[in-house]
Each structure stands twice: as structure tokens, then as C-alpha cells.
């Protein structure tokens, strides 16, 4: 009889813990999915590719971006102000390198925080470099992750 109870308790314990294991696996997979969108975002900055960028950004008018250049609302504003007028027109080469990336997933929302180094060549041929911090908020919409908010900041200039 004792063996039966031990087996039953073991079996019930496994059944009870199984959903938690599945949730951890699901969260790990969703983190990888967000990371893939993040990598596409980096590539869209490097190439200033509006078509690629449109795959990673929400097309909602509620999309918001906060940068030292200003605040932008909606995809059209992000596309025109950041990708066309800033990335395409101001630079001939661009590289955005992340460091200390942390991605958190909670249901259909995720966020990523990281340090960045941006190196580029200005349209006049001069090198350009800046560093700072960035955070993204992602939302899973229609089965895919998209950026719904981005905020970045740069350190104050040294005196």
C-alpha cells in the first residue's frame, strides 16, 4: 500500500509541476522571439531600411518614441523623422551595437533594456559616435511581437 501512495504522490507532483515547466519553456521561446525582433531592429537602424523597420514597429497611431531629438507618435512620424530624415539623410554608414541586453516577457507584453554604442559616418564623411541607454516595449499582436514604445537617452556632455 505504501508503494502505491508513493507512486500516486509522485505522479500527482509531476502533473502539478508540468504546467510550470511549460510556462518556463514558453517564456524562453517568447524571449527568443523578442530577441529576433530586436535583431531586426538593429539591422533596420544599420541599413536605414524603412521596409525592414515597418516589420518591427507597430503600425498603430499609439506607437511612441522618446529621444533627445524629440518625441514621435505613430509609425509615419517614426518612419519620416527617424529613418528618413535622421538615419538616411544624416549618415552614410551606421552601426548600433548593444551591450547588457535584458529581455523580460510577461504575457503579451515584453520589454528590453540595453546599453548602446552608435558609430556612424556623417553625410560629410566625418565620423560620429555616441553612447547611451535604450528601452523598448514590445506587444504581441496578431501572433507577432512589435515595438510599441522606445525610449533612449544619452549621458550628459562632460564639462
N, C-alpha and C. Protein backbone atom coordinates (compact mmCIF):
# COMPACT_ATOMS: atom_id res chain seq x y z
N UNK A 1 0.81 -1.18 0.00
CA UNK A 1 0.00 0.00 0.00
C UNK A 1 0.86 1.26 0.00
N UNK A 2 1.97 1.24 0.74
CA UNK A 2 2.85 2.39 0.81
C UNK A 2 3.44 2.72 -0.55
N UNK A 3 3.79 1.70 -1.32
CA UNK A 3 4.32 1.94 -2.67
C UNK A 3 3.30 2.61 -3.56
N UNK A 4 2.05 2.22 -3.43
CA UNK A 4 1.00 2.85 -4.23
C UNK A 4 0.88 4.33 -3.89
N UNK A 5 0.89 4.66 -2.59
CA UNK A 5 0.79 6.07 -2.18
C UNK A 5 2.00 6.87 -2.66
N UNK A 6 3.16 6.29 -2.55
CA UNK A 6 4.38 6.96 -3.01
C UNK A 6 4.31 7.21 -4.51
N UNK A 7 3.87 6.22 -5.25
CA UNK A 7 3.74 6.37 -6.70
C UNK A 7 2.69 7.42 -7.04
N UNK A 8 1.55 7.37 -6.35
CA UNK A 8 0.48 8.32 -6.60
C UNK A 8 0.93 9.75 -6.28
N UNK A 9 1.59 9.94 -5.16
CA UNK A 9 2.08 11.28 -4.78
C UNK A 9 3.12 11.75 -5.79
N UNK A 10 3.99 10.89 -6.22
CA UNK A 10 4.99 11.25 -7.23
C UNK A 10 4.33 11.65 -8.54
N UNK A 11 3.33 10.88 -8.96
CA UNK A 11 2.62 11.15 -10.21
C UNK A 11 1.88 12.49 -10.13
N UNK A 12 1.18 12.73 -9.04
CA UNK A 12 0.44 13.99 -8.85
C UNK A 12 1.42 15.16 -8.82
N UNK A 13 2.55 15.00 -8.18
CA UNK A 13 3.57 16.07 -8.12
C UNK A 13 4.06 16.44 -9.51
N UNK A 14 4.32 15.43 -10.32
CA UNK A 14 4.78 15.68 -11.69
C UNK A 14 3.70 16.41 -12.48
N UNK A 15 2.45 15.97 -12.36
CA UNK A 15 1.35 16.65 -13.06
C UNK A 15 1.20 18.09 -12.59
N UNK A 16 1.41 18.33 -11.32
CA UNK A 16 1.28 19.68 -10.76
C UNK A 16 2.41 20.59 -11.26
N UNK A 17 3.61 20.07 -11.38
CA UNK A 17 4.76 20.86 -11.80
C UNK A 17 4.85 21.02 -13.32
N UNK A 18 4.24 20.14 -14.09
CA UNK A 18 4.32 20.17 -15.54
C UNK A 18 3.90 21.52 -16.15
N UNK A 19 2.78 22.10 -15.74
CA UNK A 19 2.42 23.41 -16.33
C UNK A 19 3.48 24.48 -16.06
N UNK A 20 4.10 24.47 -14.91
CA UNK A 20 5.14 25.45 -14.61
C UNK A 20 6.33 25.27 -15.55
N UNK A 21 6.68 24.04 -15.85
CA UNK A 21 7.77 23.78 -16.80
C UNK A 21 7.41 24.28 -18.18
N UNK A 22 6.17 24.03 -18.59
CA UNK A 22 5.73 24.51 -19.89
C UNK A 22 5.75 26.03 -19.96
N UNK A 23 5.31 26.71 -18.90
CA UNK A 23 5.34 28.17 -18.88
C UNK A 23 6.76 28.69 -19.01
N UNK A 24 7.71 28.05 -18.31
CA UNK A 24 9.11 28.48 -18.41
C UNK A 24 9.62 28.29 -19.83
N UNK A 25 9.26 27.17 -20.45
CA UNK A 25 9.67 26.91 -21.83
C UNK A 25 9.03 27.93 -22.76
N UNK A 26 7.75 28.22 -22.55
CA UNK A 26 7.06 29.20 -23.38
C UNK A 26 7.70 30.58 -23.24
N UNK A 27 8.02 30.97 -22.02
CA UNK A 27 8.64 32.28 -21.79
C UNK A 27 10.01 32.34 -22.46
N UNK A 28 10.78 31.28 -22.34
CA UNK A 28 12.09 31.24 -23.00
C UNK A 28 11.94 31.38 -24.51
N UNK A 29 10.94 30.70 -25.08
CA UNK A 29 10.71 30.80 -26.53
C UNK A 29 10.28 32.21 -26.89
N UNK A 30 9.40 32.82 -26.10
CA UNK A 30 8.96 34.18 -26.38
C UNK A 30 10.12 35.18 -26.26
N UNK A 31 11.01 34.95 -25.31
CA UNK A 31 12.22 35.81 -25.22
C UNK A 31 13.04 35.70 -26.50
N UNK A 32 13.19 34.49 -27.01
CA UNK A 32 13.92 34.30 -28.26
C UNK A 32 13.20 35.01 -29.41
N UNK A 33 11.88 34.95 -29.42
CA UNK A 33 11.11 35.63 -30.46
C UNK A 33 11.30 37.15 -30.38
N UNK A 34 11.27 37.69 -29.18
CA UNK A 34 11.51 39.13 -29.00
C UNK A 34 12.93 39.47 -29.42
N UNK A 35 13.89 38.62 -29.07
CA UNK A 35 15.29 38.85 -29.45
C UNK A 35 15.42 38.91 -30.97
N UNK A 36 14.69 38.08 -31.69
CA UNK A 36 14.73 38.12 -33.16
C UNK A 36 14.21 39.46 -33.69
N UNK A 37 13.15 39.96 -33.10
CA UNK A 37 12.63 41.28 -33.49
C UNK A 37 13.65 42.36 -33.16
N UNK A 38 14.28 42.24 -32.00
CA UNK A 38 15.32 43.18 -31.60
C UNK A 38 16.47 43.18 -32.61
N UNK A 39 16.89 42.01 -33.05
CA UNK A 39 17.97 41.90 -34.04
C UNK A 39 17.56 42.56 -35.36
N UNK A 40 16.30 42.38 -35.75
CA UNK A 40 15.80 43.05 -36.97
C UNK A 40 15.81 44.57 -36.79
N UNK A 41 15.47 45.00 -35.59
CA UNK A 41 15.50 46.44 -35.30
C UNK A 41 16.92 46.98 -35.50
N UNK A 42 17.92 46.28 -34.93
CA UNK A 42 19.32 46.71 -35.09
C UNK A 42 19.70 46.79 -36.57
N UNK A 43 19.28 45.78 -37.34
CA UNK A 43 19.58 45.76 -38.77
C UNK A 43 18.87 46.91 -39.48
N UNK A 44 17.65 47.22 -39.07
CA UNK A 44 16.91 48.33 -39.70
C UNK A 44 17.60 49.66 -39.45
N UNK A 45 18.22 49.81 -38.29
CA UNK A 45 18.97 51.04 -38.00
C UNK A 45 20.25 51.07 -38.84
N UNK A 46 20.96 49.96 -38.87
CA UNK A 46 22.21 49.89 -39.64
C UNK A 46 21.98 50.22 -41.11
N UNK A 47 20.91 49.69 -41.67
CA UNK A 47 20.65 49.86 -43.11
C UNK A 47 19.72 51.04 -43.41
N UNK A 48 19.12 51.61 -42.35
CA UNK A 48 18.10 52.68 -42.51
C UNK A 48 17.01 52.22 -43.47
N UNK A 49 16.67 50.94 -43.37
CA UNK A 49 15.71 50.30 -44.27
C UNK A 49 14.30 50.44 -43.72
N UNK A 50 13.51 51.29 -44.35
CA UNK A 50 12.15 51.57 -43.91
C UNK A 50 11.27 50.33 -44.04
N UNK A 51 11.45 49.53 -45.08
CA UNK A 51 10.64 48.32 -45.26
C UNK A 51 10.92 47.33 -44.13
N UNK A 52 12.18 47.14 -43.78
CA UNK A 52 12.53 46.25 -42.67
C UNK A 52 12.01 46.83 -41.35
N UNK A 53 12.17 48.13 -41.17
CA UNK A 53 11.69 48.78 -39.95
C UNK A 53 10.19 48.59 -39.78
N UNK A 54 9.45 48.64 -40.87
CA UNK A 54 7.99 48.50 -40.77
C UNK A 54 7.58 47.13 -40.27
N UNK A 55 8.49 46.15 -40.35
CA UNK A 55 8.20 44.81 -39.84
C UNK A 55 8.35 44.72 -38.32
N UNK A 56 9.14 45.61 -37.72
CA UNK A 56 9.40 45.52 -36.28
C UNK A 56 8.64 46.55 -35.46
N UNK A 57 8.16 47.59 -36.09
CA UNK A 57 7.43 48.65 -35.39
C UNK A 57 5.93 48.43 -35.53
N UNK A 58 5.20 48.77 -34.48
CA UNK A 58 3.75 48.76 -34.54
C UNK A 58 3.29 49.81 -35.53
N UNK A 59 2.26 49.50 -36.25
CA UNK A 59 1.70 50.46 -37.20
C UNK A 59 0.59 51.29 -36.56
N UNK A 60 0.42 51.15 -35.28
CA UNK A 60 -0.63 51.84 -34.53
C UNK A 60 -0.31 53.32 -34.36
N UNK A 61 -1.33 54.16 -34.35
CA UNK A 61 -1.10 55.58 -34.05
C UNK A 61 -0.66 55.79 -32.60
N UNK A 62 -0.80 54.74 -31.76
CA UNK A 62 -0.38 54.83 -30.36
C UNK A 62 1.11 54.58 -30.16
N UNK A 63 1.82 54.15 -31.19
CA UNK A 63 3.27 53.97 -31.11
C UNK A 63 3.90 55.26 -30.61
N UNK A 64 4.83 55.15 -29.66
CA UNK A 64 5.51 56.35 -29.16
C UNK A 64 7.01 56.11 -29.05
N UNK A 65 7.76 57.17 -29.36
CA UNK A 65 9.22 57.12 -29.28
C UNK A 65 9.69 58.41 -28.63
N UNK A 66 10.60 58.26 -27.66
CA UNK A 66 11.19 59.41 -26.98
C UNK A 66 12.69 59.35 -27.17
N UNK A 67 13.25 60.41 -27.74
CA UNK A 67 14.69 60.50 -27.99
C UNK A 67 15.16 61.92 -27.67
N UNK A 68 16.46 62.13 -27.62
CA UNK A 68 16.95 63.51 -27.48
C UNK A 68 16.57 64.39 -28.67
N UNK A 69 16.21 63.78 -29.79
CA UNK A 69 15.79 64.54 -30.97
C UNK A 69 14.34 65.00 -30.85
N UNK A 70 13.57 64.38 -29.96
CA UNK A 70 12.18 64.75 -29.79
C UNK A 70 11.32 63.54 -29.51
N UNK A 71 10.02 63.81 -29.41
CA UNK A 71 9.01 62.76 -29.20
C UNK A 71 8.28 62.54 -30.52
N UNK A 72 8.03 61.27 -30.82
CA UNK A 72 7.39 60.91 -32.08
C UNK A 72 6.20 60.00 -31.77
N UNK A 73 5.10 60.21 -32.45
CA UNK A 73 3.88 59.45 -32.21
C UNK A 73 3.41 58.86 -33.54
N UNK A 74 3.20 57.56 -33.56
CA UNK A 74 2.71 56.89 -34.76
C UNK A 74 3.83 56.48 -35.69
N UNK A 75 3.58 55.43 -36.47
CA UNK A 75 4.59 54.87 -37.37
C UNK A 75 5.06 55.88 -38.40
N UNK A 76 4.15 56.65 -38.98
CA UNK A 76 4.55 57.59 -40.03
C UNK A 76 5.56 58.61 -39.49
N UNK A 77 5.35 59.08 -38.29
CA UNK A 77 6.27 60.03 -37.67
C UNK A 77 7.64 59.38 -37.41
N UNK A 78 7.62 58.15 -36.91
CA UNK A 78 8.89 57.43 -36.66
C UNK A 78 9.61 57.19 -37.99
N UNK A 79 8.88 56.72 -38.96
CA UNK A 79 9.46 56.45 -40.28
C UNK A 79 10.08 57.71 -40.87
N UNK A 80 9.30 58.79 -40.94
CA UNK A 80 9.78 60.00 -41.60
C UNK A 80 10.86 60.72 -40.81
N UNK A 81 10.66 60.87 -39.51
CA UNK A 81 11.60 61.65 -38.70
C UNK A 81 12.88 60.90 -38.38
N UNK A 82 12.74 59.65 -37.95
CA UNK A 82 13.93 58.91 -37.53
C UNK A 82 14.63 58.17 -38.67
N UNK A 83 13.87 57.44 -39.47
CA UNK A 83 14.51 56.63 -40.51
C UNK A 83 14.91 57.47 -41.73
N UNK A 84 14.00 58.28 -42.23
CA UNK A 84 14.29 59.03 -43.45
C UNK A 84 15.14 60.27 -43.16
N UNK A 85 14.63 61.18 -42.34
CA UNK A 85 15.32 62.45 -42.13
C UNK A 85 16.57 62.34 -41.26
N UNK A 86 16.61 61.38 -40.35
CA UNK A 86 17.79 61.24 -39.49
C UNK A 86 18.74 60.17 -40.02
N UNK A 87 18.33 58.91 -40.00
CA UNK A 87 19.26 57.83 -40.36
C UNK A 87 19.68 57.88 -41.83
N UNK A 88 18.74 58.08 -42.74
CA UNK A 88 19.09 58.07 -44.17
C UNK A 88 19.83 59.33 -44.60
N UNK A 89 19.36 60.48 -44.16
CA UNK A 89 19.91 61.74 -44.67
C UNK A 89 21.16 62.21 -43.92
N UNK A 90 21.26 61.93 -42.63
CA UNK A 90 22.39 62.45 -41.86
C UNK A 90 23.63 61.56 -41.94
N UNK A 91 23.46 60.28 -42.28
CA UNK A 91 24.57 59.33 -42.23
C UNK A 91 24.69 58.52 -43.52
N UNK A 92 25.92 58.17 -43.86
CA UNK A 92 26.14 57.26 -44.98
C UNK A 92 26.42 55.84 -44.49
N UNK A 93 26.84 55.71 -43.23
CA UNK A 93 27.07 54.41 -42.60
C UNK A 93 26.57 54.51 -41.16
N UNK A 94 26.05 53.37 -40.64
CA UNK A 94 25.51 53.35 -39.29
C UNK A 94 25.75 51.98 -38.66
N UNK A 95 26.05 51.99 -37.36
CA UNK A 95 26.16 50.74 -36.63
C UNK A 95 25.68 50.98 -35.20
N UNK A 96 24.72 50.18 -34.76
CA UNK A 96 24.18 50.26 -33.41
C UNK A 96 24.54 48.96 -32.69
N UNK A 97 25.45 49.05 -31.73
CA UNK A 97 25.93 47.87 -31.02
C UNK A 97 25.33 47.82 -29.62
N UNK A 98 24.60 46.74 -29.30
CA UNK A 98 24.02 46.61 -27.96
C UNK A 98 24.99 45.95 -26.98
N UNK A 99 24.79 46.24 -25.70
CA UNK A 99 25.53 45.58 -24.63
C UNK A 99 24.58 45.49 -23.43
N UNK A 100 24.78 44.49 -22.61
CA UNK A 100 23.98 44.31 -21.39
C UNK A 100 22.48 44.22 -21.70
N UNK A 101 22.13 43.48 -22.72
CA UNK A 101 20.73 43.33 -23.10
C UNK A 101 19.99 42.46 -22.09
N UNK A 102 18.84 42.93 -21.65
CA UNK A 102 17.96 42.15 -20.77
C UNK A 102 16.56 42.21 -21.36
N UNK A 103 15.97 41.04 -21.60
CA UNK A 103 14.62 40.95 -22.15
C UNK A 103 13.73 40.28 -21.10
N UNK A 104 12.57 40.87 -20.87
CA UNK A 104 11.58 40.32 -19.94
C UNK A 104 10.27 40.16 -20.69
N UNK A 105 9.62 39.03 -20.49
CA UNK A 105 8.32 38.75 -21.13
C UNK A 105 7.30 38.53 -20.04
N UNK A 106 6.14 39.17 -20.19
CA UNK A 106 5.03 38.99 -19.27
C UNK A 106 3.74 38.97 -20.08
N UNK A 107 3.28 37.78 -20.39
CA UNK A 107 2.08 37.65 -21.21
C UNK A 107 2.33 38.16 -22.62
N UNK A 108 1.48 39.08 -23.08
CA UNK A 108 1.61 39.63 -24.43
C UNK A 108 2.40 40.92 -24.47
N UNK A 109 3.13 41.20 -23.40
CA UNK A 109 3.97 42.39 -23.33
C UNK A 109 5.39 41.95 -22.97
N UNK A 110 6.36 42.63 -23.55
CA UNK A 110 7.76 42.35 -23.23
C UNK A 110 8.52 43.67 -23.26
N UNK A 111 9.65 43.69 -22.58
CA UNK A 111 10.49 44.87 -22.65
C UNK A 111 11.94 44.45 -22.71
N UNK A 112 12.71 45.30 -23.36
CA UNK A 112 14.14 45.06 -23.50
C UNK A 112 14.85 46.34 -23.06
N UNK A 113 15.92 46.16 -22.32
CA UNK A 113 16.74 47.28 -21.86
C UNK A 113 18.18 46.94 -22.20
N UNK A 114 18.91 47.94 -22.71
CA UNK A 114 20.30 47.68 -23.06
C UNK A 114 21.08 48.99 -23.15
N UNK A 115 22.40 48.84 -23.11
CA UNK A 115 23.33 49.95 -23.35
C UNK A 115 23.66 49.90 -24.84
N UNK A 116 23.89 51.06 -25.45
CA UNK A 116 24.21 51.07 -26.87
C UNK A 116 25.40 51.96 -27.16
N UNK A 117 26.06 51.59 -28.24
CA UNK A 117 27.10 52.42 -28.85
C UNK A 117 26.73 52.57 -30.31
N UNK A 118 26.58 53.81 -30.73
CA UNK A 118 26.23 54.10 -32.12
C UNK A 118 27.45 54.73 -32.78
N UNK A 119 27.94 54.10 -33.83
CA UNK A 119 29.04 54.66 -34.62
C UNK A 119 28.54 54.82 -36.04
N UNK A 120 28.97 55.90 -36.66
CA UNK A 120 28.46 56.19 -38.00
C UNK A 120 29.42 57.10 -38.74
N UNK A 121 29.10 57.29 -40.00
CA UNK A 121 29.80 58.27 -40.82
C UNK A 121 28.75 59.29 -41.26
N UNK A 122 29.00 60.55 -40.92
CA UNK A 122 28.09 61.62 -41.32
C UNK A 122 28.08 61.79 -42.83
N UNK A 123 27.06 62.43 -43.34
CA UNK A 123 26.95 62.65 -44.79
C UNK A 123 28.17 63.39 -45.34
N UNK A 124 28.82 64.22 -44.51
CA UNK A 124 30.01 64.95 -44.96
C UNK A 124 31.29 64.14 -44.81
N UNK A 125 31.17 62.87 -44.41
CA UNK A 125 32.33 61.99 -44.29
C UNK A 125 32.96 61.93 -42.91
N UNK A 126 32.56 62.81 -42.02
CA UNK A 126 33.12 62.82 -40.66
C UNK A 126 32.58 61.65 -39.84
N UNK A 127 33.44 61.09 -38.97
CA UNK A 127 32.96 60.02 -38.10
C UNK A 127 32.07 60.59 -36.99
N UNK A 128 31.17 59.76 -36.51
CA UNK A 128 30.25 60.15 -35.45
C UNK A 128 30.13 58.98 -34.49
N UNK A 129 30.07 59.27 -33.20
CA UNK A 129 29.93 58.22 -32.20
C UNK A 129 29.14 58.76 -31.01
N UNK A 130 28.27 57.92 -30.46
CA UNK A 130 27.54 58.28 -29.25
C UNK A 130 27.22 57.00 -28.48
N UNK A 131 26.95 57.19 -27.19
CA UNK A 131 26.62 56.07 -26.32
C UNK A 131 25.41 56.45 -25.49
N UNK A 132 24.69 55.44 -25.02
CA UNK A 132 23.55 55.72 -24.17
C UNK A 132 22.84 54.46 -23.74
N UNK A 133 21.58 54.63 -23.37
CA UNK A 133 20.75 53.55 -22.87
C UNK A 133 19.43 53.59 -23.62
N UNK A 134 18.86 52.41 -23.81
CA UNK A 134 17.61 52.35 -24.55
C UNK A 134 16.72 51.29 -23.93
N UNK A 135 15.42 51.57 -23.97
CA UNK A 135 14.44 50.56 -23.57
C UNK A 135 13.35 50.50 -24.62
N UNK A 136 12.90 49.29 -24.87
CA UNK A 136 11.82 49.02 -25.83
C UNK A 136 10.68 48.35 -25.07
N UNK A 137 9.47 48.64 -25.48
CA UNK A 137 8.31 47.88 -25.04
C UNK A 137 7.75 47.20 -26.28
N UNK A 138 7.53 45.90 -26.17
CA UNK A 138 7.00 45.10 -27.27
C UNK A 138 5.60 44.62 -26.89
N UNK A 139 4.77 44.45 -27.89
CA UNK A 139 3.45 43.88 -27.69
C UNK A 139 3.25 42.77 -28.72
N UNK A 140 2.69 41.68 -28.27
CA UNK A 140 2.39 40.59 -29.20
C UNK A 140 1.01 40.86 -29.77
N UNK A 141 0.98 41.15 -31.06
CA UNK A 141 -0.25 41.50 -31.76
C UNK A 141 -0.39 40.57 -32.97
N UNK A 142 -1.53 39.95 -33.09
CA UNK A 142 -1.78 39.01 -34.19
C UNK A 142 -0.68 37.96 -34.30
N UNK A 143 -0.20 37.49 -33.14
CA UNK A 143 0.78 36.41 -33.11
C UNK A 143 2.22 36.82 -33.35
N UNK A 144 2.50 38.14 -33.45
CA UNK A 144 3.90 38.56 -33.66
C UNK A 144 4.23 39.73 -32.77
N UNK A 145 5.49 39.80 -32.38
CA UNK A 145 5.98 40.86 -31.50
C UNK A 145 6.34 42.09 -32.32
N UNK A 146 5.93 43.27 -31.83
CA UNK A 146 6.29 44.54 -32.47
C UNK A 146 6.64 45.55 -31.38
N UNK A 147 7.45 46.52 -31.74
CA UNK A 147 7.81 47.59 -30.81
C UNK A 147 6.64 48.57 -30.75
N UNK A 148 6.18 48.86 -29.53
CA UNK A 148 5.10 49.84 -29.35
C UNK A 148 5.60 51.10 -28.64
N UNK A 149 6.78 51.00 -28.04
CA UNK A 149 7.36 52.17 -27.39
C UNK A 149 8.87 52.00 -27.33
N UNK A 150 9.58 53.10 -27.55
CA UNK A 150 11.04 53.12 -27.44
C UNK A 150 11.42 54.41 -26.72
N UNK A 151 12.36 54.30 -25.82
CA UNK A 151 12.87 55.47 -25.12
C UNK A 151 14.38 55.34 -25.05
N UNK A 152 15.08 56.38 -25.52
CA UNK A 152 16.53 56.32 -25.35
C UNK A 152 17.05 57.63 -24.82
N UNK A 153 18.17 57.49 -24.12
CA UNK A 153 18.79 58.68 -23.54
C UNK A 153 20.30 58.54 -23.67
N UNK A 154 20.93 59.70 -23.64
CA UNK A 154 22.39 59.79 -23.75
C UNK A 154 22.93 60.44 -22.50
N UNK A 155 24.16 60.13 -22.14
CA UNK A 155 24.74 60.79 -20.98
C UNK A 155 24.90 62.29 -21.24
N UNK A 156 24.90 63.04 -20.17
CA UNK A 156 25.16 64.48 -20.30
C UNK A 156 26.58 64.70 -20.80
N UNK A 157 26.81 65.75 -21.60
CA UNK A 157 28.17 66.03 -22.04
C UNK A 157 29.06 66.36 -20.84
N UNK A 158 30.29 65.95 -20.94
CA UNK A 158 31.25 66.24 -19.86
C UNK A 158 31.60 67.71 -19.86
N UNK A 159 31.74 68.26 -18.67
CA UNK A 159 32.08 69.69 -18.52
C UNK A 159 33.57 69.91 -18.64
